Each structure stands twice: as structure tokens, then as C-alpha cells.
């Protein structure tokens, strides 16, 4: 006789309980400490294919935070990253430097590739640049109200950027402003600021004031606003609650005893994860969890890397935690998926490869902190460290 939906769900819960001895609840939102699954290292190492010194840092220079983007295909493929040395660097896929393009100041922003193939990034002088990686020159630039230290987001032919002062701009492929959204400045934030999310004609963003907002992607008009933090001040860094992770949209997620539909997750570092209705911004649920990068939705599972060094797999339709792995004592960023494995990195410079059963396949230590999620390209996984090294791994 076919197993009923209720029986199937109970069987999954039973499996979770058996697999995690001593676990008092399998619900993500139950608030109980999850047991760590003991796993053995399956593979010996992660290969460093090549590395380059992007930023040319001297010992007293500021740390490097730029993020790389891929443009082009095949032999025409290029990697573009902004450096602390005040240049945009263009590399081939073997790590050979092709161009150094002068910017007004150093760059700590992420980079994104427009449909035209131009790569967009910002510098600390609040200039937004479109880099032509084929010709090694600036195609256009646009002055912003403040720098971008998050990730530019592609919207059709255009680019969307969220500045450190809570301004959001939509810039078209020719460097002209389509619209801008201005919000109250204030609150404390991390140096690497949050980035917006585009989904189904709306833009979702989390501001340093603690406001979550939804905007019309075509016009920039405010659809709804929700205040998530009553107090955005902090006496010291240990109490700082600030946005850094990109919001995540999901069609469904089980929250304790209830099911949520059409929701957006908004995450605070050293704070909470809020599930808000994508329709009207109403709060569906919240959970104490500190995240520096966005959870990954892959099939029926949600994969979350916490700033406490833990990595979890949660079945979205039931809320069952399938596994919970303690990878590090340092803050994690990621995960990203390459060749059916998850890649994560931590603030101590360690990169981890984890399979979908939660087993650590390999790890490698690199000099410097890794503060942004790895970047996937066809040839492997790229990480940029705070000491300015860009590494291709596989």
C-alpha cells in the first residue's frame, strides 16, 4: 500500500532522530542545540591551481575585499576584480594579468557582468565603473551618493547597486540612471554592506536602519517597508546587528508548526533571520541566527552557513534538519555549489569542500581572512583573501 503523506513525513522525522543521537527536536525553529555529526575526511586536499597578488598590499595597507566576476566564454573569457591599489585588474583563466585599469580610488566592491559583457564595480570614491575586459578600458562611469561594498545585481540589461548610505540605484547598460531610491541614513553596519535581491519584478533590500523594503523594479517605487530592528545602535562590536547577506526568496518553508508561502528571508549578522511575506512584508517567523552570507536553496533543501562556523541542511517542506556540521570556530561565508559539492570559507582563511550528505571532503588553508562567498566559474572556485591573494581552487 502506498505510504500516506503523513506517514512519509513521520518516517523522515524518525530518520532524523535516529541519525542525530541526543537531538531533542528536528525542527529548525525549535531553538534547541543540534548535535554535530562526526564525519571523516574523505579526500586529502583541495588543489590550488594558481594564485595571483591582486592588490599589491604592503603590511600597513588596508585589507582587501574586492570580489571577482567572470565575463566572456572560451578563449575570450576574462576575470575582472577591483583592487585596493586603485586599479581594476583583468586576468585570463590561467591567472595571467592582461590589463590594469586606473580607478579614482581603491575598490572593495563586488563585481557583476552586464548582458553586454561589461563588468560593473565601484570604488571607495563612490564611482560606479563599467569595465570593458576585451579592450582593457573604462566604458562608462557614474557618480553614486556613497561607495558600494556589496554586490552589484543584474536586472535585465541594467545593474542595481545598494550604497553604504542606503541609497539604491538602477543604472542602464549605457551608464544612465533609470531611477534611484533614497532612504534614511543611520544605524551601524559592517564595512561590507548588504546587496539587494531581484525576484518577479520586485527588489528586496535590507538597510542599515533595520528596515526591510520591497521596491518596484521598473520604477523604484516603494511597495512596502518593515522595521525589523527597534534599536540599530550598539555599544560595541559584540552587540552589533547589521545586514550583510543578500535576501533570499523561497516559494515555501516550514516554520515550526506552520507553513510559510512566498517568503523572503532577511538576515542580520549577530542578530536574527526573519521570514517576511513577499506580498506585504508581514512577519511570518523569525529565528536567532547570525549570517554573513545568503543561504543556498538547492532543490528541496535549504543550506545555511552560520557565523558560528556551523553548516546545516534543512528540508524546506518539513523543517527537518537533515544534518548539522561544525566546520570551524571562525565565521563562515558561502555555500556555493560546484561539481555537486558545497564550497565554503572562513575568516581564518580555510576553504572547505562538503558533499551533500554533510561529509567534509577536503579543506585547504590560505593566508588571510576570506570575507566573501567563493565565486564559481567553469574551471573551479575562486576566493579573494584580505591579504590580496586571488586563488583558483578545485
Protein backbone atom coordinates (compact mmCIF):
# COMPACT_ATOMS: atom_id res chain seq x y z
CA UNK A 1 0.00 0.00 0.00
CA UNK A 2 1.44 3.44 -0.88
CA UNK A 3 2.71 5.42 2.11
CA UNK A 4 0.50 8.36 3.04
CA UNK A 5 1.88 11.92 3.06
CA UNK A 6 1.56 11.97 6.87
CA UNK A 7 3.36 8.61 7.24
CA UNK A 8 6.10 9.72 4.84
CA UNK A 9 6.72 12.86 6.85
CA UNK A 10 6.80 10.93 10.13
CA UNK A 11 9.31 8.50 8.64
CA UNK A 12 11.63 11.39 7.69
CA UNK A 13 11.38 12.81 11.18
CA UNK A 14 12.16 9.38 12.65
CA UNK A 15 15.22 9.06 10.41
CA UNK A 16 16.40 12.49 11.56
CA UNK A 17 16.05 11.48 15.20
CA UNK A 18 17.93 8.23 14.70
CA UNK A 19 20.72 9.94 12.76
CA UNK A 20 21.28 12.60 15.41
CA UNK A 21 21.51 10.89 18.77
CA UNK A 22 20.60 13.13 21.68
CA UNK A 23 18.73 15.60 19.42
CA UNK A 24 15.64 16.86 21.24
CA UNK A 25 13.94 18.32 18.17
CA UNK A 26 14.40 18.16 14.40
CA UNK A 27 12.58 21.42 13.75
CA UNK A 28 14.85 24.23 12.59
CA UNK A 29 12.90 26.73 14.65
CA UNK A 30 12.61 24.71 17.87
CA UNK A 31 15.56 26.61 19.36
CA UNK A 32 17.38 23.50 20.61
CA UNK A 33 21.09 22.97 20.07
CA UNK A 34 21.61 20.49 17.25
CA UNK A 35 24.04 17.59 17.56
CA UNK A 36 27.15 17.63 15.40
CA UNK A 37 27.52 14.66 13.09
CA UNK A 38 31.00 13.15 13.23
CA UNK A 39 32.38 12.69 9.73
CA UNK A 40 35.76 11.65 8.38
CA UNK A 41 37.79 13.49 5.77
CA UNK A 42 37.05 11.69 2.51
CA UNK A 43 39.57 13.41 0.25
CA UNK A 44 43.11 14.52 1.08
CA UNK A 45 43.26 18.04 -0.30
CA UNK A 46 41.93 20.88 -2.41
CA UNK A 47 44.27 21.80 -5.27
CA UNK A 48 45.41 25.41 -5.65
CA UNK A 49 45.54 25.66 -9.45
CA UNK A 50 47.02 29.18 -9.45
CA UNK A 51 47.20 32.32 -7.36
CA UNK A 52 47.94 35.99 -8.06
CA UNK A 53 48.58 39.04 -5.88
CA UNK A 54 45.77 41.38 -6.94
CA UNK A 55 46.22 44.27 -4.55
CA UNK A 56 49.97 44.54 -4.03
CA UNK A 57 49.39 45.28 -0.34
CA UNK A 58 52.15 46.43 1.96
CA UNK A 59 51.97 45.35 5.64
CA UNK A 60 50.26 48.57 6.84
CA UNK A 61 47.87 48.88 3.89
CA UNK A 62 44.09 48.41 4.29
CA UNK A 63 42.73 44.90 3.92
CA UNK A 64 41.37 43.84 0.54
CA UNK A 65 37.69 42.97 -0.02
CA UNK A 66 37.10 43.11 -3.80
CA UNK A 67 35.14 40.31 -5.44
CA UNK A 68 35.84 38.86 -8.88
CA UNK A 69 33.43 38.45 -11.85
CA UNK A 70 33.68 36.32 -14.98
CA UNK A 71 32.89 37.70 -18.44
CA UNK A 72 33.07 36.05 -21.86
CA UNK A 73 33.40 32.40 -22.83
CA UNK A 74 36.08 30.03 -24.06
CA UNK A 75 39.38 31.68 -25.00
CA UNK A 76 37.72 35.10 -24.70
CA UNK A 77 36.80 34.54 -21.03
CA UNK A 78 38.18 37.10 -18.60
CA UNK A 79 38.22 37.66 -14.84
CA UNK A 80 37.76 41.22 -13.54
CA UNK A 81 38.31 42.42 -9.97
CA UNK A 82 38.79 45.81 -8.31
CA UNK A 83 41.92 46.19 -6.19
CA UNK A 84 42.98 48.21 -3.17
CA UNK A 85 45.75 49.61 -5.40
CA UNK A 86 43.22 51.82 -7.23
CA UNK A 87 43.03 49.63 -10.32
CA UNK A 88 40.67 47.18 -11.93
CA UNK A 89 42.60 44.04 -12.87
CA UNK A 90 41.76 41.82 -15.85
CA UNK A 91 43.07 38.24 -15.93
CA UNK A 92 42.75 35.30 -18.26
CA UNK A 93 41.55 31.97 -16.86
CA UNK A 94 45.15 30.88 -16.24
CA UNK A 95 45.74 33.79 -13.88
CA UNK A 96 47.74 35.82 -16.38
CA UNK A 97 47.20 39.56 -15.99
CA UNK A 98 46.07 41.26 -19.20
CA UNK A 99 45.23 44.80 -18.09
CA UNK A 100 45.42 47.18 -15.14
CA UNK A 101 42.85 49.96 -15.45
CA UNK A 102 43.16 53.06 -13.26
CA UNK A 103 40.24 53.95 -10.95
CA UNK A 104 39.81 57.09 -8.84
CA UNK A 105 40.46 55.14 -5.60
CA UNK A 106 40.83 51.59 -4.32
CA UNK A 107 37.94 49.18 -4.76
CA UNK A 108 36.30 46.96 -2.14
CA UNK A 109 33.12 46.19 -4.05
CA UNK A 110 31.81 43.07 -5.64
CA UNK A 111 31.64 42.87 -9.41
CA UNK A 112 28.89 41.75 -11.80
CA UNK A 113 28.70 41.16 -15.54
CA UNK A 114 26.13 43.01 -17.65
CA UNK A 115 24.38 41.32 -20.57
CA UNK A 116 26.69 43.32 -22.85
CA UNK A 117 29.75 41.68 -21.26
CA UNK A 118 30.87 44.81 -19.40
CA UNK A 119 31.82 44.24 -15.75
CA UNK A 120 30.44 46.71 -13.19
CA UNK A 121 32.18 47.58 -9.90
CA UNK A 122 32.57 50.52 -7.51
CA UNK A 123 35.49 52.26 -5.82
CA UNK A 124 35.77 53.96 -2.43
CA UNK A 125 35.35 57.35 -4.16
CA UNK A 126 31.70 56.35 -4.85
CA UNK A 127 32.24 55.96 -8.60
CA UNK A 128 30.50 53.12 -10.43
CA UNK A 129 32.50 51.78 -13.38
CA UNK A 130 31.73 49.57 -16.35
CA UNK A 131 34.93 47.80 -17.39
CA UNK A 132 35.47 46.57 -20.95
CA UNK A 133 37.63 43.49 -20.34
CA UNK A 134 38.28 42.94 -24.07
CA UNK A 135 39.81 46.36 -24.65
CA UNK A 136 41.10 46.97 -21.15
CA UNK A 137 39.38 50.31 -20.59
CA UNK A 138 36.51 52.01 -18.78
CA UNK A 139 33.37 52.03 -20.95
CA UNK A 140 31.50 54.44 -18.63
CA UNK A 141 31.29 55.58 -15.04
CA UNK A 142 28.52 57.01 -12.87
CA UNK A 143 28.83 59.04 -9.60
CA UNK A 144 26.97 57.50 -6.64
CA UNK A 145 25.99 59.04 -3.30
CA UNK A 146 28.38 56.71 -1.42
CA UNK A 147 30.52 53.65 -2.19
CA UNK A 148 29.24 50.15 -2.87
CA UNK A 149 30.91 47.45 -0.80
CA UNK A 150 28.26 44.83 -1.52
CA UNK A 151 27.50 43.07 -4.79
CA UNK A 152 26.00 44.72 -7.91
CA UNK A 153 22.89 42.85 -9.08
CA UNK A 154 21.92 42.41 -12.73
CA UNK A 155 18.36 43.45 -13.69
CA UNK A 156 17.64 42.60 -17.35
CA UNK A 157 20.13 44.78 -19.29
CA UNK A 158 20.75 47.04 -16.28
CA UNK A 159 22.58 46.92 -12.95
CA UNK A 160 21.28 47.52 -9.43
CA UNK A 161 23.55 48.74 -6.62
CA UNK A 162 22.91 49.40 -2.92
CA UNK A 163 25.21 52.04 -1.42
CA UNK A 164 26.52 52.23 2.13
CA UNK A 165 24.19 55.22 2.82
CA UNK A 166 21.05 53.16 1.97
CA UNK A 167 20.59 54.66 -1.49
CA UNK A 168 19.68 52.16 -4.22
CA UNK A 169 20.31 52.88 -7.91
CA UNK A 170 19.22 51.22 -11.12
CA UNK A 171 21.70 52.12 -13.90
CA UNK A 172 21.18 51.09 -17.51
CA UNK A 173 23.68 49.43 -19.84
CA UNK A 174 24.95 52.83 -21.07
CA UNK A 175 25.62 54.30 -17.64
CA UNK A 176 22.42 56.35 -17.33
CA UNK A 177 20.27 56.37 -14.20
CA UNK A 178 16.89 54.68 -14.59
CA UNK A 179 15.82 55.52 -11.02
CA UNK A 180 17.14 55.87 -7.51
CA UNK A 181 15.62 55.16 -4.11
CA UNK A 182 16.66 57.23 -1.11
CA UNK A 183 16.13 56.11 2.46
CA UNK A 184 17.10 57.48 5.83
CA UNK A 185 20.76 57.08 6.65
CA UNK A 186 21.82 55.83 10.03
CA UNK A 187 22.34 52.72 12.06
CA UNK A 188 25.58 50.82 12.34
CA UNK A 189 26.74 48.50 9.64
CA UNK A 190 29.52 46.18 8.65
CA UNK A 191 32.08 47.50 6.19
CA UNK A 192 30.81 45.04 3.58
CA UNK A 193 27.22 46.18 3.15
CA UNK A 194 24.22 44.17 2.07
CA UNK A 195 23.08 43.70 -1.53
CA UNK A 196 19.52 43.67 -2.93
CA UNK A 197 17.53 40.77 -4.34
CA UNK A 198 15.53 40.81 -7.59
CA UNK A 199 12.53 38.49 -7.85
CA UNK A 200 9.42 38.60 -10.03
CA UNK A 201 9.53 42.31 -10.77
CA UNK A 202 10.34 43.38 -7.21
CA UNK A 203 13.53 44.35 -5.44
CA UNK A 204 14.01 43.38 -1.80
CA UNK A 205 16.66 45.11 0.30
CA UNK A 206 17.73 45.27 3.95
CA UNK A 207 19.02 48.66 5.12
CA UNK A 208 21.37 49.61 7.95
CA UNK A 209 18.42 51.32 9.68
CA UNK A 210 16.90 47.86 10.21
CA UNK A 211 14.26 48.43 7.53
CA UNK A 212 13.39 45.71 5.02
CA UNK A 213 11.92 47.24 1.86
CA UNK A 214 10.29 46.00 -1.33
CA UNK A 215 10.53 48.20 -4.43
CA UNK A 216 9.01 48.07 -7.90
CA UNK A 217 11.90 47.03 -10.15
CA UNK A 218 10.74 49.20 -13.08
CA UNK A 219 10.06 52.44 -11.20
CA UNK A 220 11.84 52.18 -7.85
CA UNK A 221 8.57 53.00 -6.06
CA UNK A 222 8.22 51.69 -2.51
CA UNK A 223 5.82 48.73 -2.29
CA UNK A 224 6.22 48.07 1.45
CA UNK A 225 8.56 48.75 4.34
CA UNK A 226 9.03 46.71 7.52
CA UNK A 227 11.11 47.75 10.54
CA UNK A 228 12.94 44.70 11.91
CA UNK A 229 15.26 46.28 14.47
CA UNK A 230 13.94 48.59 17.17
CA UNK A 231 17.47 49.72 18.06
CA UNK A 232 20.27 49.94 15.48
CA UNK A 233 22.89 51.34 17.88
CA UNK A 234 25.44 49.13 19.64
CA UNK A 235 27.88 49.96 22.47
CA UNK A 236 30.50 47.61 21.00
CA UNK A 237 31.01 45.27 18.06
CA UNK A 238 29.82 42.26 20.04
CA UNK A 239 26.32 43.77 20.12
CA UNK A 240 26.28 44.97 16.51
CA UNK A 241 23.34 43.69 14.46
CA UNK A 242 23.86 44.58 10.83
CA UNK A 243 22.80 43.32 7.39
CA UNK A 244 25.33 41.74 5.07
CA UNK A 245 23.69 38.69 3.45
CA UNK A 246 21.63 39.08 0.28
CA UNK A 247 17.90 38.39 0.94
CA UNK A 248 16.61 35.02 -0.30
CA UNK A 249 13.18 34.35 -1.85
CA UNK A 250 11.52 30.94 -1.45
CA UNK A 251 8.16 29.57 -2.57
CA UNK A 252 7.67 27.68 0.71
CA UNK A 253 9.30 26.92 4.03
CA UNK A 254 8.01 25.19 7.14
CA UNK A 255 8.38 27.31 10.28
CA UNK A 256 7.88 25.27 13.44
CA UNK A 257 4.20 24.37 13.48
CA UNK A 258 3.22 26.36 10.37
CA UNK A 259 3.95 26.56 6.67
CA UNK A 260 5.01 29.81 5.00
CA UNK A 261 4.45 30.52 1.30
CA UNK A 262 6.00 33.14 -0.99
CA UNK A 263 8.50 34.49 1.54
CA UNK A 264 11.78 36.38 1.69
CA UNK A 265 14.49 35.68 4.26
CA UNK A 266 16.22 38.78 5.67
CA UNK A 267 19.32 38.06 7.75
CA UNK A 268 21.27 40.08 10.31
CA UNK A 269 24.83 39.42 11.37
CA UNK A 270 24.78 38.72 15.14
CA UNK A 271 21.01 39.02 15.01
CA UNK A 272 18.05 37.15 13.60
CA UNK A 273 16.75 35.66 10.39
CA UNK A 274 13.29 36.98 9.54
CA UNK A 275 10.83 35.38 7.14
CA UNK A 276 8.61 38.10 5.67
CA UNK A 277 5.72 37.77 3.26
CA UNK A 278 6.92 38.80 -0.20
CA UNK A 279 3.44 40.20 -0.83
CA UNK A 280 3.03 42.67 2.04
CA UNK A 281 6.08 42.38 4.32
CA UNK A 282 4.22 40.85 7.24
CA UNK A 283 6.36 38.80 9.62
CA UNK A 284 5.83 35.06 9.22
CA UNK A 285 8.51 33.95 11.68
CA UNK A 286 11.98 34.71 13.00
CA UNK A 287 14.90 32.78 14.41
CA UNK A 288 18.09 33.68 16.30
CA UNK A 289 20.90 33.03 13.84
CA UNK A 290 23.90 35.09 12.71
CA UNK A 291 24.66 35.01 8.97
CA UNK A 292 27.25 36.83 6.87
CA UNK A 293 26.18 35.37 3.53
CA UNK A 294 22.96 34.18 1.97
CA UNK A 295 21.58 30.66 2.50
CA UNK A 296 21.54 28.47 -0.60
CA UNK A 297 18.32 26.95 -1.93
CA UNK A 298 19.03 23.74 -3.84
CA UNK A 299 16.08 21.54 -4.70
CA UNK A 300 14.04 20.72 -1.62
CA UNK A 301 16.79 21.75 0.81
CA UNK A 302 17.99 24.99 2.36
CA UNK A 303 21.71 25.10 3.19
CA UNK A 304 22.86 27.61 5.81
CA UNK A 305 26.40 28.57 6.88
CA UNK A 306 26.42 30.44 10.19
CA UNK A 307 28.93 32.89 11.61
CA UNK A 308 29.38 30.39 14.46
CA UNK A 309 31.09 28.03 11.99
CA UNK A 310 28.16 25.60 11.59
CA UNK A 311 26.74 24.33 8.29
CA UNK A 312 23.19 22.92 8.15
CA UNK A 313 20.90 21.22 5.65
CA UNK A 314 17.16 21.76 6.23
CA UNK A 315 14.30 20.21 4.27
CA UNK A 316 12.13 23.20 3.34
CA UNK A 317 8.80 21.39 3.22
CA UNK A 318 9.09 19.85 6.69
CA UNK A 319 11.61 21.92 8.66
CA UNK A 320 13.60 18.75 9.39
CA UNK A 321 17.33 19.34 9.95
CA UNK A 322 18.97 16.52 7.97
CA UNK A 323 22.45 17.28 9.18
CA UNK A 324 24.34 19.93 11.14
CA UNK A 325 28.13 20.09 10.76
CA UNK A 326 30.50 22.20 12.81
CA UNK A 327 33.20 23.16 10.28
CA UNK A 328 35.09 25.89 12.08
CA UNK A 329 35.36 28.15 15.12
CA UNK A 330 35.54 31.11 12.73
CA UNK A 331 32.79 32.84 10.74
CA UNK A 332 31.74 31.06 7.56
CA UNK A 333 30.81 32.51 4.17
CA UNK A 334 29.07 30.57 1.41
CA UNK A 335 27.98 27.99 0.47
CA UNK A 336 28.29 27.82 -3.31
CA UNK A 337 27.81 24.67 -5.37
CA UNK A 338 30.41 23.35 -7.84
CA UNK A 339 30.61 19.81 -9.23
CA UNK A 340 27.90 18.61 -6.83
CA UNK A 341 29.84 19.72 -3.74
CA UNK A 342 29.45 22.71 -1.46
CA UNK A 343 32.33 25.16 -1.08
CA UNK A 344 32.62 27.40 1.96
CA UNK A 345 35.34 29.55 3.51
CA UNK A 346 36.01 31.04 6.93
CA UNK A 347 37.57 34.12 8.50
CA UNK A 348 40.76 32.16 9.27
CA UNK A 349 41.40 31.55 5.56
CA UNK A 350 40.27 27.92 5.38
CA UNK A 351 38.26 26.70 2.38
CA UNK A 352 36.06 23.61 2.82
CA UNK A 353 34.52 21.20 0.31
CA UNK A 354 31.48 19.35 1.69
CA UNK A 355 29.31 16.74 0.00
CA UNK A 356 25.51 16.73 0.09
CA UNK A 357 25.49 14.25 2.97
CA UNK A 358 27.39 16.71 5.16
CA UNK A 359 30.76 14.96 4.90
CA UNK A 360 33.86 17.17 4.71
CA UNK A 361 35.64 16.02 1.56
CA UNK A 362 38.64 18.31 1.77
CA UNK A 363 39.98 21.59 3.14
CA UNK A 364 42.88 23.94 2.44
CA UNK A 365 44.36 26.84 4.40
CA UNK A 366 45.18 30.11 2.65
CA UNK A 367 46.88 33.19 4.11
CA UNK A 368 44.42 35.92 5.11
CA UNK A 369 40.76 36.11 6.01
CA UNK A 370 38.04 35.20 3.48
CA UNK A 371 35.07 37.52 3.94
CA UNK A 372 33.01 36.91 0.80
CA UNK A 373 31.49 33.71 -0.53
CA UNK A 374 33.60 31.86 -3.12
CA UNK A 375 32.84 32.50 -6.80
CA UNK A 376 32.11 29.59 -9.13
CA UNK A 377 33.48 29.53 -12.68
CA UNK A 378 33.62 26.56 -15.10
CA UNK A 379 37.25 25.82 -14.18
CA UNK A 380 36.80 25.81 -10.41
CA UNK A 381 36.16 28.06 -7.42
CA UNK A 382 37.74 31.49 -6.84
CA UNK A 383 38.45 33.11 -3.46
CA UNK A 384 39.98 36.51 -2.73
CA UNK A 385 41.63 36.98 0.65
CA UNK A 386 42.01 40.06 2.82
CA UNK A 387 45.75 40.00 2.06
CA UNK A 388 45.03 40.46 -1.65
CA UNK A 389 45.53 36.95 -2.99
CA UNK A 390 43.18 35.60 -5.67
CA UNK A 391 43.15 31.79 -5.79
CA UNK A 392 41.63 29.30 -8.22
CA UNK A 393 40.81 26.03 -6.44
CA UNK A 394 39.45 22.64 -7.43
